[in-house]
Amino acid sequence: MITSPAFAGKRYAVLGLARSGMAAVETLLASGADVIAWDSREEPRQAFEGRVELADPVSADLSGCEG
């Protein structure tokens, strides 16, 4: 996994936790980012419980996200 200090201390939203979404979350976390994530399926959300903020983008506050 490639990590970057450019993500550290910033907030990112990852909407969709299939293979690429899960990889993006892991990379962002390893780089020190704060992550909000969501998938309509329960199983991929469970993989990140307690590690990221899980929130439906319809009702979540996505302000302040870098990307």
N, C-alpha and C. Protein backbone atom coordinates (compact mmCIF):
# COMPACT_ATOMS: atom_id res chain seq x y z
N MET A 1 0.84 -1.17 0.00
CA MET A 1 0.00 0.00 0.00
C MET A 1 0.89 1.24 0.00
N ILE A 2 0.55 2.17 -0.83
CA ILE A 2 1.26 3.44 -0.89
C ILE A 2 0.52 4.42 0.03
N THR A 3 1.24 5.07 0.91
CA THR A 3 0.65 6.07 1.79
C THR A 3 1.30 7.42 1.48
N SER A 4 0.64 8.48 1.93
CA SER A 4 1.17 9.81 1.68
C SER A 4 0.86 10.73 2.84
N PRO A 5 1.84 11.49 3.29
CA PRO A 5 1.57 12.46 4.37
C PRO A 5 0.66 13.59 3.90
N ALA A 6 0.44 13.71 2.60
CA ALA A 6 -0.45 14.76 2.08
C ALA A 6 -1.89 14.58 2.56
N PHE A 7 -2.26 13.35 2.95
CA PHE A 7 -3.63 13.08 3.42
C PHE A 7 -3.79 13.28 4.92
N ALA A 8 -2.70 13.34 5.64
CA ALA A 8 -2.73 13.39 7.11
C ALA A 8 -3.48 14.61 7.61
N GLY A 9 -4.34 14.36 8.59
CA GLY A 9 -5.06 15.45 9.24
C GLY A 9 -6.20 16.04 8.43
N LYS A 10 -6.48 15.48 7.28
CA LYS A 10 -7.57 15.98 6.44
C LYS A 10 -8.72 14.98 6.47
N ARG A 11 -9.90 15.45 6.07
CA ARG A 11 -11.10 14.61 6.09
C ARG A 11 -11.52 14.26 4.67
N TYR A 12 -11.82 12.98 4.47
CA TYR A 12 -12.24 12.49 3.16
C TYR A 12 -13.48 11.64 3.30
N ALA A 13 -14.32 11.65 2.27
CA ALA A 13 -15.51 10.80 2.21
C ALA A 13 -15.30 9.75 1.13
N VAL A 14 -15.57 8.51 1.48
CA VAL A 14 -15.51 7.41 0.52
C VAL A 14 -16.90 6.80 0.47
N LEU A 15 -17.56 6.96 -0.66
CA LEU A 15 -18.94 6.49 -0.82
C LEU A 15 -18.94 5.31 -1.77
N GLY A 16 -19.07 4.13 -1.21
CA GLY A 16 -19.01 2.88 -1.95
C GLY A 16 -17.82 2.08 -1.46
N LEU A 17 -18.09 0.93 -0.88
CA LEU A 17 -17.03 0.14 -0.27
C LEU A 17 -16.85 -1.21 -0.95
N ALA A 18 -16.78 -1.17 -2.27
CA ALA A 18 -16.37 -2.37 -3.00
C ALA A 18 -14.85 -2.44 -2.91
N ARG A 19 -14.20 -3.18 -3.76
CA ARG A 19 -12.75 -3.36 -3.64
C ARG A 19 -11.98 -2.05 -3.66
N SER A 20 -12.25 -1.18 -4.61
CA SER A 20 -11.47 0.07 -4.69
C SER A 20 -11.82 1.02 -3.55
N GLY A 21 -13.07 1.05 -3.12
CA GLY A 21 -13.46 1.90 -2.00
C GLY A 21 -12.81 1.46 -0.71
N MET A 22 -12.77 0.15 -0.49
CA MET A 22 -12.14 -0.38 0.72
C MET A 22 -10.64 -0.09 0.71
N ALA A 23 -10.02 -0.23 -0.46
CA ALA A 23 -8.59 0.06 -0.58
C ALA A 23 -8.33 1.54 -0.33
N ALA A 24 -9.21 2.41 -0.83
CA ALA A 24 -9.06 3.84 -0.61
C ALA A 24 -9.15 4.18 0.87
N VAL A 25 -10.12 3.59 1.57
CA VAL A 25 -10.26 3.84 3.00
C VAL A 25 -9.01 3.38 3.75
N GLU A 26 -8.52 2.20 3.46
CA GLU A 26 -7.33 1.68 4.14
C GLU A 26 -6.12 2.60 3.91
N THR A 27 -5.96 3.06 2.67
CA THR A 27 -4.84 3.95 2.35
C THR A 27 -4.97 5.28 3.09
N LEU A 28 -6.16 5.85 3.09
CA LEU A 28 -6.38 7.12 3.78
C LEU A 28 -6.12 6.97 5.29
N LEU A 29 -6.61 5.90 5.88
CA LEU A 29 -6.38 5.67 7.31
C LEU A 29 -4.90 5.52 7.61
N ALA A 30 -4.20 4.74 6.79
CA ALA A 30 -2.77 4.53 7.00
C ALA A 30 -1.98 5.81 6.80
N SER A 31 -2.55 6.75 6.06
CA SER A 31 -1.89 8.03 5.80
C SER A 31 -2.24 9.08 6.85
N GLY A 32 -3.10 8.73 7.80
CA GLY A 32 -3.44 9.65 8.88
C GLY A 32 -4.65 10.52 8.62
N ALA A 33 -5.47 10.15 7.66
CA ALA A 33 -6.67 10.94 7.36
C ALA A 33 -7.83 10.53 8.25
N ASP A 34 -8.79 11.43 8.37
CA ASP A 34 -10.06 11.18 9.02
C ASP A 34 -11.03 10.80 7.90
N VAL A 35 -11.73 9.68 8.04
CA VAL A 35 -12.54 9.17 6.93
C VAL A 35 -13.99 8.98 7.35
N ILE A 36 -14.89 9.43 6.49
CA ILE A 36 -16.31 9.12 6.60
C ILE A 36 -16.60 8.19 5.41
N ALA A 37 -17.27 7.09 5.67
CA ALA A 37 -17.50 6.10 4.62
C ALA A 37 -18.92 5.58 4.66
N TRP A 38 -19.37 5.09 3.50
CA TRP A 38 -20.71 4.52 3.43
C TRP A 38 -20.82 3.55 2.27
N ASP A 39 -21.63 2.55 2.48
CA ASP A 39 -22.05 1.62 1.43
C ASP A 39 -23.46 1.18 1.79
N SER A 40 -24.27 0.93 0.81
CA SER A 40 -25.64 0.52 1.09
C SER A 40 -25.70 -0.88 1.70
N ARG A 41 -24.64 -1.64 1.54
CA ARG A 41 -24.60 -3.01 2.08
C ARG A 41 -23.99 -3.00 3.49
N GLU A 42 -24.55 -3.80 4.37
CA GLU A 42 -24.10 -3.86 5.76
C GLU A 42 -22.72 -4.49 5.90
N GLU A 43 -22.43 -5.54 5.16
CA GLU A 43 -21.16 -6.27 5.33
C GLU A 43 -19.92 -5.40 5.17
N PRO A 44 -19.79 -4.61 4.10
CA PRO A 44 -18.58 -3.78 4.02
C PRO A 44 -18.52 -2.70 5.09
N ARG A 45 -19.66 -2.22 5.53
CA ARG A 45 -19.66 -1.21 6.61
C ARG A 45 -19.13 -1.83 7.90
N GLN A 46 -19.47 -3.06 8.17
CA GLN A 46 -19.02 -3.72 9.39
C GLN A 46 -17.50 -3.82 9.45
N ALA A 47 -16.87 -3.94 8.29
CA ALA A 47 -15.40 -4.06 8.25
C ALA A 47 -14.71 -2.81 8.80
N PHE A 48 -15.42 -1.68 8.80
CA PHE A 48 -14.80 -0.42 9.23
C PHE A 48 -15.40 0.15 10.52
N GLU A 49 -16.31 -0.58 11.15
CA GLU A 49 -16.91 -0.09 12.39
C GLU A 49 -15.83 0.22 13.42
N GLY A 50 -15.93 1.39 14.02
CA GLY A 50 -14.97 1.81 15.03
C GLY A 50 -13.69 2.39 14.48
N ARG A 51 -13.50 2.32 13.17
CA ARG A 51 -12.28 2.84 12.55
C ARG A 51 -12.53 4.11 11.75
N VAL A 52 -13.76 4.25 11.25
CA VAL A 52 -14.15 5.43 10.47
C VAL A 52 -15.53 5.86 10.93
N GLU A 53 -15.92 7.04 10.51
CA GLU A 53 -17.30 7.48 10.72
C GLU A 53 -18.14 6.88 9.61
N LEU A 54 -19.13 6.08 9.96
CA LEU A 54 -20.03 5.49 8.98
C LEU A 54 -21.30 6.32 8.95
N ALA A 55 -21.60 6.92 7.81
CA ALA A 55 -22.77 7.78 7.72
C ALA A 55 -23.31 7.81 6.30
N ASP A 56 -24.62 7.71 6.20
CA ASP A 56 -25.31 7.78 4.91
C ASP A 56 -25.13 9.20 4.35
N PRO A 57 -24.64 9.33 3.12
CA PRO A 57 -24.39 10.66 2.57
C PRO A 57 -25.65 11.50 2.38
N VAL A 58 -26.81 10.88 2.38
CA VAL A 58 -28.06 11.64 2.27
C VAL A 58 -28.27 12.51 3.50
N SER A 59 -27.85 12.00 4.67
CA SER A 59 -28.08 12.76 5.89
C SER A 59 -26.78 13.22 6.57
N ALA A 60 -25.64 12.78 6.07
CA ALA A 60 -24.35 13.13 6.70
C ALA A 60 -23.91 14.54 6.33
N ASP A 61 -23.15 15.13 7.23
CA ASP A 61 -22.56 16.43 6.97
C ASP A 61 -21.21 16.21 6.31
N LEU A 62 -21.13 16.44 5.01
CA LEU A 62 -19.90 16.22 4.26
C LEU A 62 -19.09 17.51 4.10
N SER A 63 -19.51 18.57 4.76
CA SER A 63 -18.74 19.81 4.68
C SER A 63 -17.38 19.60 5.34
N GLY A 64 -16.41 20.24 4.84
CA GLY A 64 -15.07 20.11 5.38
C GLY A 64 -14.28 18.95 4.82
N CYS A 65 -14.89 18.18 3.95
CA CYS A 65 -14.16 17.07 3.32
C CYS A 65 -13.28 17.61 2.19
N GLU A 66 -12.07 17.12 2.14
CA GLU A 66 -11.14 17.51 1.07
C GLU A 66 -11.51 16.85 -0.25
N GLY A 67 -12.10 15.70 -0.16
CA GLY A 67 -12.47 14.96 -1.38
C GLY A 67 -13.35 13.81 -1.06
